[in-house]
């Protein structure tokens, strides 16, 4: 089960939810489940901009992003 599930949400909600989680955690690992390419790319851009590494796995029609710092 992902730490943050942004499936079905529209911009900017997915990015805001992940940003809150990143800011609260500071470092460690966060898994995010997204169902759109836009959310995937925007979350990736946010995370890398804050110094987090991003790994993306495609699962059926969704994306599992693992953010680590």
PDB file of N, CA and C in Angstrom:
ATOM      1  N   UNK A   1       0.851  -1.188   0.000  1.00  0.00           N
ATOM      2  CA  UNK A   1       0.000   0.000   0.000  1.00  0.00           C
ATOM      3  C   UNK A   1       0.894   1.247   0.000  1.00  0.00           C
ATOM      4  N   UNK A   2       0.620   2.193  -0.900  1.00  0.00           N
ATOM      5  CA  UNK A   2       1.445   3.405  -0.994  1.00  0.00           C
ATOM      6  C   UNK A   2       1.233   4.330   0.208  1.00  0.00           C
ATOM      7  N   UNK A   3       2.236   5.154   0.478  1.00  0.00           N
ATOM      8  CA  UNK A   3       2.107   6.154   1.535  1.00  0.00           C
ATOM      9  C   UNK A   3       1.117   7.246   1.126  1.00  0.00           C
ATOM     10  N   UNK A   4       1.144   7.587  -0.172  1.00  0.00           N
ATOM     11  CA  UNK A   4       0.257   8.628  -0.699  1.00  0.00           C
ATOM     12  C   UNK A   4      -0.383   8.091  -1.982  1.00  0.00           C
ATOM     13  N   UNK A   5      -1.710   8.122  -2.041  1.00  0.00           N
ATOM     14  CA  UNK A   5      -2.452   7.683  -3.228  1.00  0.00           C
ATOM     15  C   UNK A   5      -3.113   8.917  -3.833  1.00  0.00           C
ATOM     16  N   UNK A   6      -2.652   9.304  -5.028  1.00  0.00           N
ATOM     17  CA  UNK A   6      -3.199  10.501  -5.666  1.00  0.00           C
ATOM     18  C   UNK A   6      -4.067  10.157  -6.880  1.00  0.00           C
ATOM     19  N   UNK A   7      -4.446   8.900  -6.998  1.00  0.00           N
ATOM     20  CA  UNK A   7      -5.279   8.473  -8.124  1.00  0.00           C
ATOM     21  C   UNK A   7      -6.618   9.200  -8.100  1.00  0.00           C
ATOM     22  N   UNK A   8      -7.021   9.678  -9.264  1.00  0.00           N
ATOM     23  CA  UNK A   8      -8.306  10.353  -9.399  1.00  0.00           C
ATOM     24  C   UNK A   8      -8.279  11.823  -9.026  1.00  0.00           C
ATOM     25  N   UNK A   9      -7.165  12.301  -8.514  1.00  0.00           N
ATOM     26  CA  UNK A   9      -7.070  13.713  -8.132  1.00  0.00           C
ATOM     27  C   UNK A   9      -6.552  14.537  -9.305  1.00  0.00           C
ATOM     28  N   UNK A  10      -6.985  15.779  -9.352  1.00  0.00           N
ATOM     29  CA  UNK A  10      -6.549  16.670 -10.432  1.00  0.00           C
ATOM     30  C   UNK A  10      -5.567  17.701  -9.886  1.00  0.00           C
ATOM     31  N   UNK A  11      -4.744  18.190 -10.779  1.00  0.00           N
ATOM     32  CA  UNK A  11      -3.720  19.167 -10.466  1.00  0.00           C
ATOM     33  C   UNK A  11      -4.363  20.405  -9.834  1.00  0.00           C
ATOM     34  N   UNK A  12      -3.802  20.937  -8.819  1.00  0.00           N
ATOM     35  CA  UNK A  12      -2.485  20.688  -8.228  1.00  0.00           C
ATOM     36  C   UNK A  12      -2.514  19.752  -7.020  1.00  0.00           C
ATOM     37  N   UNK A  13      -3.653  19.125  -6.745  1.00  0.00           N
ATOM     38  CA  UNK A  13      -3.798  18.320  -5.531  1.00  0.00           C
ATOM     39  C   UNK A  13      -2.725  17.238  -5.348  1.00  0.00           C
ATOM     40  N   UNK A  14      -2.384  16.435  -6.381  1.00  0.00           N
ATOM     41  CA  UNK A  14      -1.365  15.406  -6.173  1.00  0.00           C
ATOM     42  C   UNK A  14      -0.026  15.978  -5.697  1.00  0.00           C
ATOM     43  N   UNK A  15       0.399  17.062  -6.309  1.00  0.00           N
ATOM     44  CA  UNK A  15       1.673  17.677  -5.938  1.00  0.00           C
ATOM     45  C   UNK A  15       1.613  18.242  -4.523  1.00  0.00           C
ATOM     46  N   UNK A  16       0.506  18.860  -4.169  1.00  0.00           N
ATOM     47  CA  UNK A  16       0.384  19.432  -2.830  1.00  0.00           C
ATOM     48  C   UNK A  16       0.415  18.353  -1.756  1.00  0.00           C
ATOM     49  N   UNK A  17      -0.257  17.230  -1.993  1.00  0.00           N
ATOM     50  CA  UNK A  17      -0.252  16.135  -1.022  1.00  0.00           C
ATOM     51  C   UNK A  17       1.151  15.562  -0.844  1.00  0.00           C
ATOM     52  N   UNK A  18       1.850  15.370  -1.946  1.00  0.00           N
ATOM     53  CA  UNK A  18       3.209  14.820  -1.866  1.00  0.00           C
ATOM     54  C   UNK A  18       4.152  15.828  -1.226  1.00  0.00           C
ATOM     55  N   UNK A  19       3.998  17.102  -1.536  1.00  0.00           N
ATOM     56  CA  UNK A  19       4.842  18.135  -0.931  1.00  0.00           C
ATOM     57  C   UNK A  19       4.675  18.141   0.577  1.00  0.00           C
ATOM     58  N   UNK A  20       3.444  18.038   1.058  1.00  0.00           N
ATOM     59  CA  UNK A  20       3.204  17.994   2.503  1.00  0.00           C
ATOM     60  C   UNK A  20       3.915  16.805   3.137  1.00  0.00           C
ATOM     61  N   UNK A  21       3.850  15.671   2.465  1.00  0.00           N
ATOM     62  CA  UNK A  21       4.487  14.455   2.989  1.00  0.00           C
ATOM     63  C   UNK A  21       6.012  14.600   3.004  1.00  0.00           C
ATOM     64  N   UNK A  22       6.573  15.132   1.921  1.00  0.00           N
ATOM     65  CA  UNK A  22       8.022  15.363   1.842  1.00  0.00           C
ATOM     66  C   UNK A  22       8.467  16.321   2.949  1.00  0.00           C
ATOM     67  N   UNK A  23       7.750  17.423   3.110  1.00  0.00           N
ATOM     68  CA  UNK A  23       8.109  18.421   4.119  1.00  0.00           C
ATOM     69  C   UNK A  23       8.000  17.852   5.533  1.00  0.00           C
ATOM     70  N   UNK A  24       6.991  17.024   5.777  1.00  0.00           N
ATOM     71  CA  UNK A  24       6.802  16.433   7.100  1.00  0.00           C
ATOM     72  C   UNK A  24       7.866  15.389   7.405  1.00  0.00           C
ATOM     73  N   UNK A  25       8.243  14.605   6.406  1.00  0.00           N
ATOM     74  CA  UNK A  25       9.196  13.508   6.618  1.00  0.00           C
ATOM     75  C   UNK A  25      10.639  14.003   6.647  1.00  0.00           C
ATOM     76  N   UNK A  26      10.974  14.918   5.752  1.00  0.00           N
ATOM     77  CA  UNK A  26      12.341  15.443   5.710  1.00  0.00           C
ATOM     78  C   UNK A  26      13.313  14.542   4.971  1.00  0.00           C
ATOM     79  N   UNK A  27      13.359  13.267   5.346  1.00  0.00           N
ATOM     80  CA  UNK A  27      14.178  12.287   4.645  1.00  0.00           C
ATOM     81  C   UNK A  27      13.622  10.903   4.928  1.00  0.00           C
ATOM     82  N   UNK A  28      14.024   9.951   4.092  1.00  0.00           N
ATOM     83  CA  UNK A  28      13.514   8.589   4.223  1.00  0.00           C
ATOM     84  C   UNK A  28      13.007   8.107   2.879  1.00  0.00           C
ATOM     85  N   UNK A  29      11.864   7.431   2.898  1.00  0.00           N
ATOM     86  CA  UNK A  29      11.273   6.909   1.664  1.00  0.00           C
ATOM     87  C   UNK A  29       9.766   7.134   1.686  1.00  0.00           C
ATOM     88  N   UNK A  30       9.245   7.481   0.534  1.00  0.00           N
ATOM     89  CA  UNK A  30       7.805   7.706   0.358  1.00  0.00           C
ATOM     90  C   UNK A  30       7.392   6.990  -0.920  1.00  0.00           C
ATOM     91  N   UNK A  31       6.300   6.249  -0.871  1.00  0.00           N
ATOM     92  CA  UNK A  31       5.758   5.650  -2.089  1.00  0.00           C
ATOM     93  C   UNK A  31       4.477   6.384  -2.449  1.00  0.00           C
ATOM     94  N   UNK A  32       4.338   6.646  -3.744  1.00  0.00           N
ATOM     95  CA  UNK A  32       3.192   7.403  -4.242  1.00  0.00           C
ATOM     96  C   UNK A  32       2.577   6.635  -5.405  1.00  0.00           C
ATOM     97  N   UNK A  33       1.263   6.463  -5.377  1.00  0.00           N
ATOM     98  CA  UNK A  33       0.547   5.823  -6.475  1.00  0.00           C
ATOM     99  C   UNK A  33      -0.192   6.904  -7.256  1.00  0.00           C
ATOM    100  N   UNK A  34       0.079   6.985  -8.558  1.00  0.00           N
ATOM    101  CA  UNK A  34      -0.547   7.992  -9.428  1.00  0.00           C
ATOM    102  C   UNK A  34      -1.151   7.292 -10.636  1.00  0.00           C
ATOM    103  N   UNK A  35      -2.171   7.922 -11.211  1.00  0.00           N
ATOM    104  CA  UNK A  35      -2.833   7.312 -12.373  1.00  0.00           C
ATOM    105  C   UNK A  35      -2.788   8.181 -13.620  1.00  0.00           C
ATOM    106  N   UNK A  36      -1.977   9.234 -13.586  1.00  0.00           N
ATOM    107  CA  UNK A  36      -1.863  10.068 -14.787  1.00  0.00           C
ATOM    108  C   UNK A  36      -0.405  10.438 -15.021  1.00  0.00           C
ATOM    109  N   UNK A  37      -0.077  10.610 -16.299  1.00  0.00           N
ATOM    110  CA  UNK A  37       1.286  11.008 -16.654  1.00  0.00           C
ATOM    111  C   UNK A  37       1.601  12.397 -16.115  1.00  0.00           C
ATOM    112  N   UNK A  38       0.612  13.278 -16.101  1.00  0.00           N
ATOM    113  CA  UNK A  38       0.833  14.636 -15.599  1.00  0.00           C
ATOM    114  C   UNK A  38       1.207  14.603 -14.121  1.00  0.00           C
ATOM    115  N   UNK A  39       0.468  13.844 -13.324  1.00  0.00           N
ATOM    116  CA  UNK A  39       0.781  13.726 -11.897  1.00  0.00           C
ATOM    117  C   UNK A  39       2.161  13.105 -11.714  1.00  0.00           C
ATOM    118  N   UNK A  40       2.456  12.059 -12.479  1.00  0.00           N
ATOM    119  CA  UNK A  40       3.761  11.393 -12.391  1.00  0.00           C
ATOM    120  C   UNK A  40       4.892  12.386 -12.638  1.00  0.00           C
ATOM    121  N   UNK A  41       4.796  13.151 -13.709  1.00  0.00           N
ATOM    122  CA  UNK A  41       5.858  14.093 -14.062  1.00  0.00           C
ATOM    123  C   UNK A  41       5.951  15.255 -13.081  1.00  0.00           C
ATOM    124  N   UNK A  42       4.814  15.774 -12.630  1.00  0.00           N
ATOM    125  CA  UNK A  42       4.827  16.896 -11.687  1.00  0.00           C
ATOM    126  C   UNK A  42       5.396  16.486 -10.333  1.00  0.00           C
ATOM    127  N   UNK A  43       5.058  15.276  -9.879  1.00  0.00           N
ATOM    128  CA  UNK A  43       5.600  14.778  -8.615  1.00  0.00           C
ATOM    129  C   UNK A  43       7.093  14.526  -8.757  1.00  0.00           C
ATOM    130  N   UNK A  44       7.499  13.960  -9.879  1.00  0.00           N
ATOM    131  CA  UNK A  44       8.927  13.724 -10.127  1.00  0.00           C
ATOM    132  C   UNK A  44       9.692  15.044 -10.104  1.00  0.00           C
ATOM    133  N   UNK A  45       9.161  16.066 -10.752  1.00  0.00           N
ATOM    134  CA  UNK A  45       9.806  17.383 -10.800  1.00  0.00           C
ATOM    135  C   UNK A  45       9.913  17.989  -9.389  1.00  0.00           C
ATOM    136  N   UNK A  46       8.840  17.886  -8.619  1.00  0.00           N
ATOM    137  CA  UNK A  46       8.844  18.393  -7.244  1.00  0.00           C
ATOM    138  C   UNK A  46       9.922  17.690  -6.414  1.00  0.00           C
ATOM    139  N   UNK A  47       9.915  16.357  -6.460  1.00  0.00           N
ATOM    140  CA  UNK A  47      10.831  15.583  -5.621  1.00  0.00           C
ATOM    141  C   UNK A  47      12.293  15.833  -5.987  1.00  0.00           C
ATOM    142  N   UNK A  48      12.602  15.801  -7.274  1.00  0.00           N
ATOM    143  CA  UNK A  48      13.993  16.009  -7.673  1.00  0.00           C
ATOM    144  C   UNK A  48      14.442  17.434  -7.347  1.00  0.00           C
ATOM    145  N   UNK A  49      13.534  18.376  -7.449  1.00  0.00           N
ATOM    146  CA  UNK A  49      13.850  19.758  -7.094  1.00  0.00           C
ATOM    147  C   UNK A  49      14.171  19.924  -5.618  1.00  0.00           C
ATOM    148  N   UNK A  50      13.656  19.014  -4.794  1.00  0.00           N
ATOM    149  CA  UNK A  50      13.918  19.064  -3.354  1.00  0.00           C
ATOM    150  C   UNK A  50      15.034  18.093  -2.953  1.00  0.00           C
ATOM    151  N   UNK A  51      15.707  17.517  -3.968  1.00  0.00           N
ATOM    152  CA  UNK A  51      16.850  16.668  -3.687  1.00  0.00           C
ATOM    153  C   UNK A  51      16.531  15.200  -3.434  1.00  0.00           C
ATOM    154  N   UNK A  52      15.339  14.764  -3.769  1.00  0.00           N
ATOM    155  CA  UNK A  52      14.940  13.372  -3.584  1.00  0.00           C
ATOM    156  C   UNK A  52      15.194  12.597  -4.872  1.00  0.00           C
ATOM    157  N   UNK A  53      15.613  11.344  -4.739  1.00  0.00           N
ATOM    158  CA  UNK A  53      15.743  10.456  -5.888  1.00  0.00           C
ATOM    159  C   UNK A  53      14.368   9.859  -6.176  1.00  0.00           C
ATOM    160  N   UNK A  54      14.077   9.624  -7.447  1.00  0.00           N
ATOM    161  CA  UNK A  54      12.763   9.115  -7.845  1.00  0.00           C
ATOM    162  C   UNK A  54      12.927   7.869  -8.711  1.00  0.00           C
ATOM    163  N   UNK A  55      12.242   6.802  -8.316  1.00  0.00           N
ATOM    164  CA  UNK A  55      12.177   5.588  -9.138  1.00  0.00           C
ATOM    165  C   UNK A  55      10.711   5.391  -9.505  1.00  0.00           C
ATOM    166  N   UNK A  56      10.453   5.124 -10.785  1.00  0.00           N
ATOM    167  CA  UNK A  56       9.074   4.979 -11.262  1.00  0.00           C
ATOM    168  C   UNK A  56       8.893   3.586 -11.838  1.00  0.00           C
ATOM    169  N   UNK A  57       7.839   2.919 -11.372  1.00  0.00           N
ATOM    170  CA  UNK A  57       7.454   1.613 -11.900  1.00  0.00           C
ATOM    171  C   UNK A  57       6.042   1.736 -12.465  1.00  0.00           C
ATOM    172  N   UNK A  58       5.841   1.181 -13.639  1.00  0.00           N
ATOM    173  CA  UNK A  58       4.511   1.184 -14.243  1.00  0.00           C
ATOM    174  C   UNK A  58       3.794  -0.092 -13.821  1.00  0.00           C
ATOM    175  N   UNK A  59       2.602   0.048 -13.274  1.00  0.00           N
ATOM    176  CA  UNK A  59       1.799  -1.087 -12.831  1.00  0.00           C
ATOM    177  C   UNK A  59       0.420  -0.963 -13.456  1.00  0.00           C
ATOM    178  N   UNK A  60       0.143  -1.845 -14.416  1.00  0.00           N
ATOM    179  CA  UNK A  60      -1.108  -1.765 -15.172  1.00  0.00           C
ATOM    180  C   UNK A  60      -1.227  -0.379 -15.777  1.00  0.00           C
ATOM    181  N   UNK A  61      -2.230   0.374 -15.384  1.00  0.00           N
ATOM    182  CA  UNK A  61      -2.414   1.723 -15.926  1.00  0.00           C
ATOM    183  C   UNK A  61      -2.060   2.796 -14.892  1.00  0.00           C
ATOM    184  N   UNK A  62      -1.231   2.414 -13.900  1.00  0.00           N
ATOM    185  CA  UNK A  62      -0.843   3.346 -12.841  1.00  0.00           C
ATOM    186  C   UNK A  62       0.667   3.390 -12.718  1.00  0.00           C
ATOM    187  N   UNK A  63       1.133   4.347 -11.930  1.00  0.00           N
ATOM    188  CA  UNK A  63       2.561   4.542 -11.713  1.00  0.00           C
ATOM    189  C   UNK A  63       2.843   4.512 -10.217  1.00  0.00           C
ATOM    190  N   UNK A  64       3.834   3.723  -9.820  1.00  0.00           N
ATOM    191  CA  UNK A  64       4.287   3.696  -8.444  1.00  0.00           C
ATOM    192  C   UNK A  64       5.609   4.433  -8.395  1.00  0.00           C
ATOM    193  N   UNK A  65       5.616   5.548  -7.717  1.00  0.00           N
ATOM    194  CA  UNK A  65       6.826   6.353  -7.569  1.00  0.00           C
ATOM    195  C   UNK A  65       7.397   6.100  -6.181  1.00  0.00           C
ATOM    196  N   UNK A  66       8.678   5.810  -6.125  1.00  0.00           N
ATOM    197  CA  UNK A  66       9.365   5.664  -4.852  1.00  0.00           C
ATOM    198  C   UNK A  66      10.344   6.817  -4.741  1.00  0.00           C
ATOM    199  N   UNK A  67      10.123   7.652  -3.737  1.00  0.00           N
ATOM    200  CA  UNK A  67      10.950   8.825  -3.504  1.00  0.00           C
ATOM    201  C   UNK A  67      11.865   8.526  -2.319  1.00  0.00           C
ATOM    202  N   UNK A  68      13.149   8.767  -2.465  1.00  0.00           N
ATOM    203  CA  UNK A  68      14.077   8.511  -1.370  1.00  0.00           C
ATOM    204  C   UNK A  68      15.054   9.663  -1.197  1.00  0.00           C
ATOM    205  N   UNK A  69      15.426   9.865   0.067  1.00  0.00           N
ATOM    206  CA  UNK A  69      16.430  10.899   0.382  1.00  0.00           C
ATOM    207  C   UNK A  69      17.178  10.459   1.622  1.00  0.00           C
TER     208      UNK A  69
END
